[in-house]
Amino acid sequence: PGSFFFVNMVKKQKKAQESINARLALIMKSGKVDLGYRSALRNLRKTKAKLIIVANNCPALRRSEIEYYALLSGAGVHHYNGNNIDLGTACGRYYRVSMLTVTDAGDSDINFSVPGQ
């Protein structure tokens, strides 16, 4: 019985990951995004950022700094369930992407809500 639960949980995680990847592909095609840490900081300071997606192997200090700036600017932060190589691949790039900033979602129905507000 325990292994069935684990397999079911893994399937749900994969489905959620595929859903995020599909939405990310739509944003990359029809919306406006900036890739990288420095442009994320720049957009957060200008309060242009609506959502920040951070890879799971991003350094902790960098991640907490982005979360703090996002809290001040009112942007949402999503922790991507994959490393920077996976995030780059999901964006359709052949290089690593530690974080990306969504400034305009385009045709995507992605949720920009900030937890706790």
Foldseek 3Di string as FASTA:
>chain_A
DVVVVVVVVVVVVVVVLVVVLVLLQQQLVFFDKDFDLVVLVVCLVVLLFLEKEFEPPDDPVSVVVSVVSCVVSVWAYHYRDHHQCVVCVSSVHRDGTGMMTTRTSGPGPDDGHHPPD
